[in-house]
């Protein structure tokens, strides 16, 4: 009888955590699903992920615009104003 030995590679906790979705569940715990390739979120949380960037324009009151940035760091409204030079 011939016995072959196989070495099983242990996946470190750090490697597993790197593949795990970074979203928080309703219970307040970290999601246990694996993240999608080239993403920090799983298939459930990918569409619900927070806005990556905020519009960098200032409102008339001097506060930062709260809308999501679409093009060149501006929301649609402020991008059009930026292009027209009305900033």
PDB file of N, CA and C in Angstrom:
ATOM      1  N   UNK A   1       0.832  -1.169   0.000  1.00  0.00           N
ATOM      2  CA  UNK A   1       0.000   0.000   0.000  1.00  0.00           C
ATOM      3  C   UNK A   1       0.883   1.241   0.000  1.00  0.00           C
ATOM      4  N   UNK A   2       0.567   2.152  -0.874  1.00  0.00           N
ATOM      5  CA  UNK A   2       1.341   3.370  -1.022  1.00  0.00           C
ATOM      6  C   UNK A   2       0.555   4.529  -0.417  1.00  0.00           C
ATOM      7  N   UNK A   3       1.177   5.223   0.491  1.00  0.00           N
ATOM      8  CA  UNK A   3       0.535   6.379   1.121  1.00  0.00           C
ATOM      9  C   UNK A   3       1.141   7.662   0.564  1.00  0.00           C
ATOM     10  N   UNK A   4       0.304   8.502   0.131  1.00  0.00           N
ATOM     11  CA  UNK A   4       0.759   9.810  -0.351  1.00  0.00           C
ATOM     12  C   UNK A   4       0.400  10.855   0.681  1.00  0.00           C
ATOM     13  N   UNK A   5       1.292  11.728   0.909  1.00  0.00           N
ATOM     14  CA  UNK A   5       0.976  12.785   1.868  1.00  0.00           C
ATOM     15  C   UNK A   5       0.651  14.067   1.101  1.00  0.00           C
ATOM     16  N   UNK A   6      -0.362  14.679   1.525  1.00  0.00           N
ATOM     17  CA  UNK A   6      -0.769  15.947   0.914  1.00  0.00           C
ATOM     18  C   UNK A   6      -0.674  17.031   1.961  1.00  0.00           C
ATOM     19  N   UNK A   7      -0.113  18.115   1.576  1.00  0.00           N
ATOM     20  CA  UNK A   7      -0.074  19.231   2.528  1.00  0.00           C
ATOM     21  C   UNK A   7      -1.216  20.176   2.185  1.00  0.00           C
ATOM     22  N   UNK A   8      -1.970  20.471   3.171  1.00  0.00           N
ATOM     23  CA  UNK A   8      -3.089  21.389   2.999  1.00  0.00           C
ATOM     24  C   UNK A   8      -2.600  22.761   3.397  1.00  0.00           C
ATOM     25  N   UNK A   9      -2.780  23.697   2.492  1.00  0.00           N
ATOM     26  CA  UNK A   9      -2.344  25.052   2.802  1.00  0.00           C
ATOM     27  C   UNK A   9      -3.344  25.706   3.734  1.00  0.00           C
ATOM     28  N   UNK A  10      -2.824  26.227   4.808  1.00  0.00           N
ATOM     29  CA  UNK A  10      -3.685  26.949   5.729  1.00  0.00           C
ATOM     30  C   UNK A  10      -3.868  28.368   5.217  1.00  0.00           C
ATOM     31  N   UNK A  11      -5.112  28.767   5.144  1.00  0.00           N
ATOM     32  CA  UNK A  11      -5.395  30.133   4.741  1.00  0.00           C
ATOM     33  C   UNK A  11      -5.424  30.975   6.011  1.00  0.00           C
ATOM     34  N   UNK A  12      -4.599  31.974   6.036  1.00  0.00           N
ATOM     35  CA  UNK A  12      -4.515  32.791   7.242  1.00  0.00           C
ATOM     36  C   UNK A  12      -5.802  33.589   7.436  1.00  0.00           C
ATOM     37  N   UNK A  13      -6.027  33.976   8.661  1.00  0.00           N
ATOM     38  CA  UNK A  13      -7.214  34.775   8.988  1.00  0.00           C
ATOM     39  C   UNK A  13      -7.176  36.094   8.234  1.00  0.00           C
ATOM     40  N   UNK A  14      -5.977  36.623   8.023  1.00  0.00           N
ATOM     41  CA  UNK A  14      -5.846  37.895   7.289  1.00  0.00           C
ATOM     42  C   UNK A  14      -6.282  37.740   5.836  1.00  0.00           C
ATOM     43  N   UNK A  15      -5.907  36.643   5.193  1.00  0.00           N
ATOM     44  CA  UNK A  15      -6.300  36.392   3.807  1.00  0.00           C
ATOM     45  C   UNK A  15      -7.807  36.212   3.696  1.00  0.00           C
ATOM     46  N   UNK A  16      -8.395  35.481   4.639  1.00  0.00           N
ATOM     47  CA  UNK A  16      -9.841  35.287   4.620  1.00  0.00           C
ATOM     48  C   UNK A  16     -10.570  36.606   4.825  1.00  0.00           C
ATOM     49  N   UNK A  17     -10.070  37.413   5.731  1.00  0.00           N
ATOM     50  CA  UNK A  17     -10.710  38.694   6.018  1.00  0.00           C
ATOM     51  C   UNK A  17     -10.594  39.624   4.808  1.00  0.00           C
ATOM     52  N   UNK A  18      -9.516  39.534   4.059  1.00  0.00           N
ATOM     53  CA  UNK A  18      -9.330  40.383   2.887  1.00  0.00           C
ATOM     54  C   UNK A  18     -10.367  40.065   1.812  1.00  0.00           C
ATOM     55  N   UNK A  19     -10.833  38.829   1.752  1.00  0.00           N
ATOM     56  CA  UNK A  19     -11.821  38.425   0.763  1.00  0.00           C
ATOM     57  C   UNK A  19     -13.247  38.644   1.249  1.00  0.00           C
ATOM     58  N   UNK A  20     -13.412  38.950   2.529  1.00  0.00           N
ATOM     59  CA  UNK A  20     -14.736  39.090   3.134  1.00  0.00           C
ATOM     60  C   UNK A  20     -15.309  40.479   2.848  1.00  0.00           C
ATOM     61  N   UNK A  21     -16.601  40.516   2.622  1.00  0.00           N
ATOM     62  CA  UNK A  21     -17.325  41.768   2.390  1.00  0.00           C
ATOM     63  C   UNK A  21     -17.124  42.700   3.589  1.00  0.00           C
ATOM     64  N   UNK A  22     -16.955  43.986   3.352  1.00  0.00           N
ATOM     65  CA  UNK A  22     -16.719  44.943   4.439  1.00  0.00           C
ATOM     66  C   UNK A  22     -18.001  45.591   4.960  1.00  0.00           C
ATOM     67  N   UNK A  23     -19.136  45.227   4.399  1.00  0.00           N
ATOM     68  CA  UNK A  23     -20.414  45.825   4.816  1.00  0.00           C
ATOM     69  C   UNK A  23     -20.822  45.338   6.202  1.00  0.00           C
ATOM     70  N   UNK A  24     -21.653  46.146   6.844  1.00  0.00           N
ATOM     71  CA  UNK A  24     -22.188  45.805   8.151  1.00  0.00           C
ATOM     72  C   UNK A  24     -23.644  45.392   7.998  1.00  0.00           C
ATOM     73  N   UNK A  25     -24.026  44.334   8.662  1.00  0.00           N
ATOM     74  CA  UNK A  25     -25.404  43.845   8.577  1.00  0.00           C
ATOM     75  C   UNK A  25     -26.317  44.686   9.462  1.00  0.00           C
ATOM     76  N   UNK A  26     -27.632  44.436   9.367  1.00  0.00           N
ATOM     77  CA  UNK A  26     -28.595  45.145  10.202  1.00  0.00           C
ATOM     78  C   UNK A  26     -28.359  44.883  11.680  1.00  0.00           C
ATOM     79  N   UNK A  27     -27.806  43.719  11.995  1.00  0.00           N
ATOM     80  CA  UNK A  27     -27.516  43.369  13.385  1.00  0.00           C
ATOM     81  C   UNK A  27     -26.256  44.062  13.900  1.00  0.00           C
ATOM     82  N   UNK A  28     -25.519  44.683  12.996  1.00  0.00           N
ATOM     83  CA  UNK A  28     -24.303  45.386  13.395  1.00  0.00           C
ATOM     84  C   UNK A  28     -23.043  44.556  13.278  1.00  0.00           C
ATOM     85  N   UNK A  29     -23.164  43.360  12.734  1.00  0.00           N
ATOM     86  CA  UNK A  29     -21.997  42.504  12.551  1.00  0.00           C
ATOM     87  C   UNK A  29     -21.500  42.609  11.112  1.00  0.00           C
ATOM     88  N   UNK A  30     -20.284  42.177  10.886  1.00  0.00           N
ATOM     89  CA  UNK A  30     -19.713  42.227   9.549  1.00  0.00           C
ATOM     90  C   UNK A  30     -20.324  41.130   8.676  1.00  0.00           C
ATOM     91  N   UNK A  31     -20.608  41.444   7.427  1.00  0.00           N
ATOM     92  CA  UNK A  31     -21.149  40.473   6.475  1.00  0.00           C
ATOM     93  C   UNK A  31     -20.165  39.318   6.325  1.00  0.00           C
ATOM     94  N   UNK A  32     -20.678  38.105   6.231  1.00  0.00           N
ATOM     95  CA  UNK A  32     -19.828  36.919   6.147  1.00  0.00           C
ATOM     96  C   UNK A  32     -19.610  36.433   4.716  1.00  0.00           C
ATOM     97  N   UNK A  33     -20.228  37.081   3.733  1.00  0.00           N
ATOM     98  CA  UNK A  33     -20.065  36.671   2.346  1.00  0.00           C
ATOM     99  C   UNK A  33     -18.728  37.155   1.795  1.00  0.00           C
ATOM    100  N   UNK A  34     -18.237  36.463   0.785  1.00  0.00           N
ATOM    101  CA  UNK A  34     -17.008  36.888   0.122  1.00  0.00           C
ATOM    102  C   UNK A  34     -17.284  38.079  -0.780  1.00  0.00           C
ATOM    103  N   UNK A  35     -16.320  38.981  -0.866  1.00  0.00           N
ATOM    104  CA  UNK A  35     -16.472  40.143  -1.727  1.00  0.00           C
ATOM    105  C   UNK A  35     -16.294  39.740  -3.189  1.00  0.00           C
ATOM    106  N   UNK A  36     -16.855  40.547  -4.059  1.00  0.00           N
ATOM    107  CA  UNK A  36     -16.708  40.317  -5.492  1.00  0.00           C
ATOM    108  C   UNK A  36     -15.284  40.658  -5.914  1.00  0.00           C
ATOM    109  N   UNK A  37     -14.869  40.137  -7.043  1.00  0.00           N
ATOM    110  CA  UNK A  37     -13.537  40.428  -7.549  1.00  0.00           C
ATOM    111  C   UNK A  37     -13.423  41.925  -7.831  1.00  0.00           C
ATOM    112  N   UNK A  38     -12.343  42.532  -7.417  1.00  0.00           N
ATOM    113  CA  UNK A  38     -12.083  43.964  -7.584  1.00  0.00           C
ATOM    114  C   UNK A  38     -13.101  44.840  -6.863  1.00  0.00           C
ATOM    115  N   UNK A  39     -13.634  44.361  -5.756  1.00  0.00           N
ATOM    116  CA  UNK A  39     -14.595  45.128  -4.972  1.00  0.00           C
ATOM    117  C   UNK A  39     -14.417  44.792  -3.499  1.00  0.00           C
ATOM    118  N   UNK A  40     -14.890  45.691  -2.634  1.00  0.00           N
ATOM    119  CA  UNK A  40     -14.851  45.430  -1.202  1.00  0.00           C
ATOM    120  C   UNK A  40     -16.158  44.818  -0.723  1.00  0.00           C
ATOM    121  N   UNK A  41     -17.161  44.734  -1.609  1.00  0.00           N
ATOM    122  CA  UNK A  41     -18.495  44.301  -1.221  1.00  0.00           C
ATOM    123  C   UNK A  41     -18.909  43.012  -1.915  1.00  0.00           C
ATOM    124  N   UNK A  42     -19.821  42.261  -1.272  1.00  0.00           N
ATOM    125  CA  UNK A  42     -20.380  41.040  -1.851  1.00  0.00           C
ATOM    126  C   UNK A  42     -21.483  41.413  -2.846  1.00  0.00           C
ATOM    127  N   UNK A  43     -22.092  40.406  -3.463  1.00  0.00           N
ATOM    128  CA  UNK A  43     -23.136  40.656  -4.454  1.00  0.00           C
ATOM    129  C   UNK A  43     -24.368  41.313  -3.834  1.00  0.00           C
ATOM    130  N   UNK A  44     -24.610  41.099  -2.548  1.00  0.00           N
ATOM    131  CA  UNK A  44     -25.775  41.680  -1.881  1.00  0.00           C
ATOM    132  C   UNK A  44     -25.540  43.158  -1.596  1.00  0.00           C
ATOM    133  N   UNK A  45     -24.363  43.484  -1.099  1.00  0.00           N
ATOM    134  CA  UNK A  45     -24.080  44.849  -0.670  1.00  0.00           C
ATOM    135  C   UNK A  45     -23.466  45.736  -1.750  1.00  0.00           C
ATOM    136  N   UNK A  46     -23.072  45.176  -2.879  1.00  0.00           N
ATOM    137  CA  UNK A  46     -22.437  45.972  -3.942  1.00  0.00           C
ATOM    138  C   UNK A  46     -23.346  47.113  -4.398  1.00  0.00           C
ATOM    139  N   UNK A  47     -24.611  46.814  -4.632  1.00  0.00           N
ATOM    140  CA  UNK A  47     -25.541  47.851  -5.099  1.00  0.00           C
ATOM    141  C   UNK A  47     -25.887  48.841  -3.996  1.00  0.00           C
ATOM    142  N   UNK A  48     -25.699  48.439  -2.745  1.00  0.00           N
ATOM    143  CA  UNK A  48     -26.042  49.288  -1.612  1.00  0.00           C
ATOM    144  C   UNK A  48     -24.831  50.015  -1.053  1.00  0.00           C
ATOM    145  N   UNK A  49     -23.680  49.893  -1.711  1.00  0.00           N
ATOM    146  CA  UNK A  49     -22.470  50.495  -1.171  1.00  0.00           C
ATOM    147  C   UNK A  49     -22.594  52.012  -1.124  1.00  0.00           C
ATOM    148  N   UNK A  50     -21.946  52.628  -0.142  1.00  0.00           N
ATOM    149  CA  UNK A  50     -22.059  54.070   0.003  1.00  0.00           C
ATOM    150  C   UNK A  50     -21.436  54.815  -1.170  1.00  0.00           C
ATOM    151  N   UNK A  51     -21.815  56.047  -1.317  1.00  0.00           N
ATOM    152  CA  UNK A  51     -21.271  56.884  -2.386  1.00  0.00           C
ATOM    153  C   UNK A  51     -19.770  56.999  -2.175  1.00  0.00           C
ATOM    154  N   UNK A  52     -19.040  56.731  -3.227  1.00  0.00           N
ATOM    155  CA  UNK A  52     -17.593  56.739  -3.117  1.00  0.00           C
ATOM    156  C   UNK A  52     -17.060  58.159  -2.990  1.00  0.00           C
ATOM    157  N   UNK A  53     -17.607  59.077  -3.751  1.00  0.00           N
ATOM    158  CA  UNK A  53     -17.125  60.438  -3.656  1.00  0.00           C
ATOM    159  C   UNK A  53     -18.283  61.425  -3.631  1.00  0.00           C
ATOM    160  N   UNK A  54     -18.043  62.500  -2.951  1.00  0.00           N
ATOM    161  CA  UNK A  54     -19.033  63.560  -2.784  1.00  0.00           C
ATOM    162  C   UNK A  54     -18.639  64.712  -3.696  1.00  0.00           C
ATOM    163  N   UNK A  55     -19.622  65.417  -4.208  1.00  0.00           N
ATOM    164  CA  UNK A  55     -19.385  66.569  -5.065  1.00  0.00           C
ATOM    165  C   UNK A  55     -18.466  67.551  -4.342  1.00  0.00           C
ATOM    166  N   UNK A  56     -17.474  68.085  -5.054  1.00  0.00           N
ATOM    167  CA  UNK A  56     -16.513  68.973  -4.411  1.00  0.00           C
ATOM    168  C   UNK A  56     -16.894  70.452  -4.506  1.00  0.00           C
ATOM    169  N   UNK A  57     -18.056  70.746  -5.091  1.00  0.00           N
ATOM    170  CA  UNK A  57     -18.503  72.133  -5.213  1.00  0.00           C
ATOM    171  C   UNK A  57     -19.079  72.652  -3.899  1.00  0.00           C
ATOM    172  N   UNK A  58     -19.097  73.960  -3.778  1.00  0.00           N
ATOM    173  CA  UNK A  58     -19.687  74.616  -2.594  1.00  0.00           C
ATOM    174  C   UNK A  58     -21.060  75.160  -2.979  1.00  0.00           C
ATOM    175  N   UNK A  59     -21.987  75.101  -2.030  1.00  0.00           N
ATOM    176  CA  UNK A  59     -23.320  75.654  -2.256  1.00  0.00           C
ATOM    177  C   UNK A  59     -23.271  77.170  -2.056  1.00  0.00           C
ATOM    178  N   UNK A  60     -24.372  77.848  -2.314  1.00  0.00           N
ATOM    179  CA  UNK A  60     -24.435  79.296  -2.115  1.00  0.00           C
ATOM    180  C   UNK A  60     -24.162  79.669  -0.662  1.00  0.00           C
ATOM    181  N   UNK A  61     -24.521  78.770   0.258  1.00  0.00           N
ATOM    182  CA  UNK A  61     -24.305  79.010   1.690  1.00  0.00           C
ATOM    183  C   UNK A  61     -22.857  78.755   2.108  1.00  0.00           C
ATOM    184  N   UNK A  62     -22.045  78.265   1.179  1.00  0.00           N
ATOM    185  CA  UNK A  62     -20.640  77.992   1.472  1.00  0.00           C
ATOM    186  C   UNK A  62     -20.366  76.596   1.994  1.00  0.00           C
ATOM    187  N   UNK A  63     -21.388  75.764   2.056  1.00  0.00           N
ATOM    188  CA  UNK A  63     -21.224  74.388   2.510  1.00  0.00           C
ATOM    189  C   UNK A  63     -20.912  73.498   1.315  1.00  0.00           C
ATOM    190  N   UNK A  64     -20.347  72.350   1.586  1.00  0.00           N
ATOM    191  CA  UNK A  64     -20.041  71.411   0.509  1.00  0.00           C
ATOM    192  C   UNK A  64     -21.318  70.740   0.026  1.00  0.00           C
ATOM    193  N   UNK A  65     -21.462  70.606  -1.279  1.00  0.00           N
ATOM    194  CA  UNK A  65     -22.625  69.958  -1.878  1.00  0.00           C
ATOM    195  C   UNK A  65     -22.700  68.515  -1.381  1.00  0.00           C
ATOM    196  N   UNK A  66     -23.898  68.060  -1.063  1.00  0.00           N
ATOM    197  CA  UNK A  66     -24.063  66.712  -0.506  1.00  0.00           C
ATOM    198  C   UNK A  66     -24.361  65.658  -1.560  1.00  0.00           C
ATOM    199  N   UNK A  67     -24.456  66.054  -2.818  1.00  0.00           N
ATOM    200  CA  UNK A  67     -24.778  65.097  -3.883  1.00  0.00           C
ATOM    201  C   UNK A  67     -23.571  64.242  -4.253  1.00  0.00           C
ATOM    202  N   UNK A  68     -23.851  63.129  -4.917  1.00  0.00           N
ATOM    203  CA  UNK A  68     -22.801  62.221  -5.369  1.00  0.00           C
ATOM    204  C   UNK A  68     -22.086  62.804  -6.579  1.00  0.00           C
ATOM    205  N   UNK A  69     -20.772  62.680  -6.594  1.00  0.00           N
ATOM    206  CA  UNK A  69     -19.980  63.149  -7.727  1.00  0.00           C
ATOM    207  C   UNK A  69     -20.149  62.187  -8.896  1.00  0.00           C
ATOM    208  N   UNK A  70     -20.374  62.734 -10.052  1.00  0.00           N
ATOM    209  CA  UNK A  70     -20.546  61.915 -11.255  1.00  0.00           C
ATOM    210  C   UNK A  70     -19.335  62.046 -12.173  1.00  0.00           C
ATOM    211  N   UNK A  71     -18.970  63.279 -12.529  1.00  0.00           N
ATOM    212  CA  UNK A  71     -17.902  63.519 -13.492  1.00  0.00           C
ATOM    213  C   UNK A  71     -16.907  64.525 -12.932  1.00  0.00           C
ATOM    214  N   UNK A  72     -15.638  64.204 -12.979  1.00  0.00           N
ATOM    215  CA  UNK A  72     -14.569  65.098 -12.532  1.00  0.00           C
ATOM    216  C   UNK A  72     -14.777  65.631 -11.118  1.00  0.00           C
ATOM    217  N   UNK A  73     -15.438  64.868 -10.258  1.00  0.00           N
ATOM    218  CA  UNK A  73     -15.608  65.273  -8.876  1.00  0.00           C
ATOM    219  C   UNK A  73     -16.803  66.172  -8.611  1.00  0.00           C
ATOM    220  N   UNK A  74     -17.666  66.379  -9.610  1.00  0.00           N
ATOM    221  CA  UNK A  74     -18.841  67.231  -9.465  1.00  0.00           C
ATOM    222  C   UNK A  74     -20.119  66.434  -9.710  1.00  0.00           C
ATOM    223  N   UNK A  75     -21.208  66.848  -9.059  1.00  0.00           N
ATOM    224  CA  UNK A  75     -22.515  66.281  -9.376  1.00  0.00           C
ATOM    225  C   UNK A  75     -22.944  66.857 -10.728  1.00  0.00           C
ATOM    226  N   UNK A  76     -24.034  66.373 -11.268  1.00  0.00           N
ATOM    227  CA  UNK A  76     -24.474  66.813 -12.593  1.00  0.00           C
ATOM    228  C   UNK A  76     -24.699  68.319 -12.651  1.00  0.00           C
ATOM    229  N   UNK A  77     -25.383  68.874 -11.657  1.00  0.00           N
ATOM    230  CA  UNK A  77     -25.672  70.306 -11.650  1.00  0.00           C
ATOM    231  C   UNK A  77     -24.386  71.141 -11.598  1.00  0.00           C
ATOM    232  N   UNK A  78     -23.499  70.822 -10.685  1.00  0.00           N
ATOM    233  CA  UNK A  78     -22.289  71.615 -10.531  1.00  0.00           C
ATOM    234  C   UNK A  78     -21.286  71.372 -11.657  1.00  0.00           C
ATOM    235  N   UNK A  79     -21.306  70.191 -12.249  1.00  0.00           N
ATOM    236  CA  UNK A  79     -20.426  69.932 -13.389  1.00  0.00           C
ATOM    237  C   UNK A  79     -20.806  70.840 -14.557  1.00  0.00           C
ATOM    238  N   UNK A  80     -22.109  70.952 -14.816  1.00  0.00           N
ATOM    239  CA  UNK A  80     -22.559  71.831 -15.903  1.00  0.00           C
ATOM    240  C   UNK A  80     -22.184  73.278 -15.630  1.00  0.00           C
ATOM    241  N   UNK A  81     -22.295  73.716 -14.386  1.00  0.00           N
ATOM    242  CA  UNK A  81     -21.906  75.075 -14.020  1.00  0.00           C
ATOM    243  C   UNK A  81     -20.398  75.254 -14.160  1.00  0.00           C
ATOM    244  N   UNK A  82     -19.659  74.248 -13.800  1.00  0.00           N
ATOM    245  CA  UNK A  82     -18.197  74.278 -13.900  1.00  0.00           C
ATOM    246  C   UNK A  82     -17.764  74.397 -15.359  1.00  0.00           C
ATOM    247  N   UNK A  83     -18.404  73.631 -16.224  1.00  0.00           N
ATOM    248  CA  UNK A  83     -18.093  73.665 -17.671  1.00  0.00           C
ATOM    249  C   UNK A  83     -18.407  75.043 -18.246  1.00  0.00           C
ATOM    250  N   UNK A  84     -19.539  75.607 -17.827  1.00  0.00           N
ATOM    251  CA  UNK A  84     -19.945  76.915 -18.343  1.00  0.00           C
ATOM    252  C   UNK A  84     -19.139  78.063 -17.733  1.00  0.00           C
ATOM    253  N   UNK A  85     -18.305  77.776 -16.730  1.00  0.00           N
ATOM    254  CA  UNK A  85     -17.495  78.797 -16.099  1.00  0.00           C
ATOM    255  C   UNK A  85     -18.240  79.625 -15.080  1.00  0.00           C
ATOM    256  N   UNK A  86     -19.386  79.141 -14.619  1.00  0.00           N
ATOM    257  CA  UNK A  86     -20.215  79.897 -13.664  1.00  0.00           C
ATOM    258  C   UNK A  86     -19.900  79.524 -12.241  1.00  0.00           C
ATOM    259  N   UNK A  87     -18.965  78.745 -12.030  1.00  0.00           N
ATOM    260  CA  UNK A  87     -18.607  78.217 -10.736  1.00  0.00           C
ATOM    261  C   UNK A  87     -18.869  79.192  -9.675  1.00  0.00           C
TER     262      UNK A  87
END
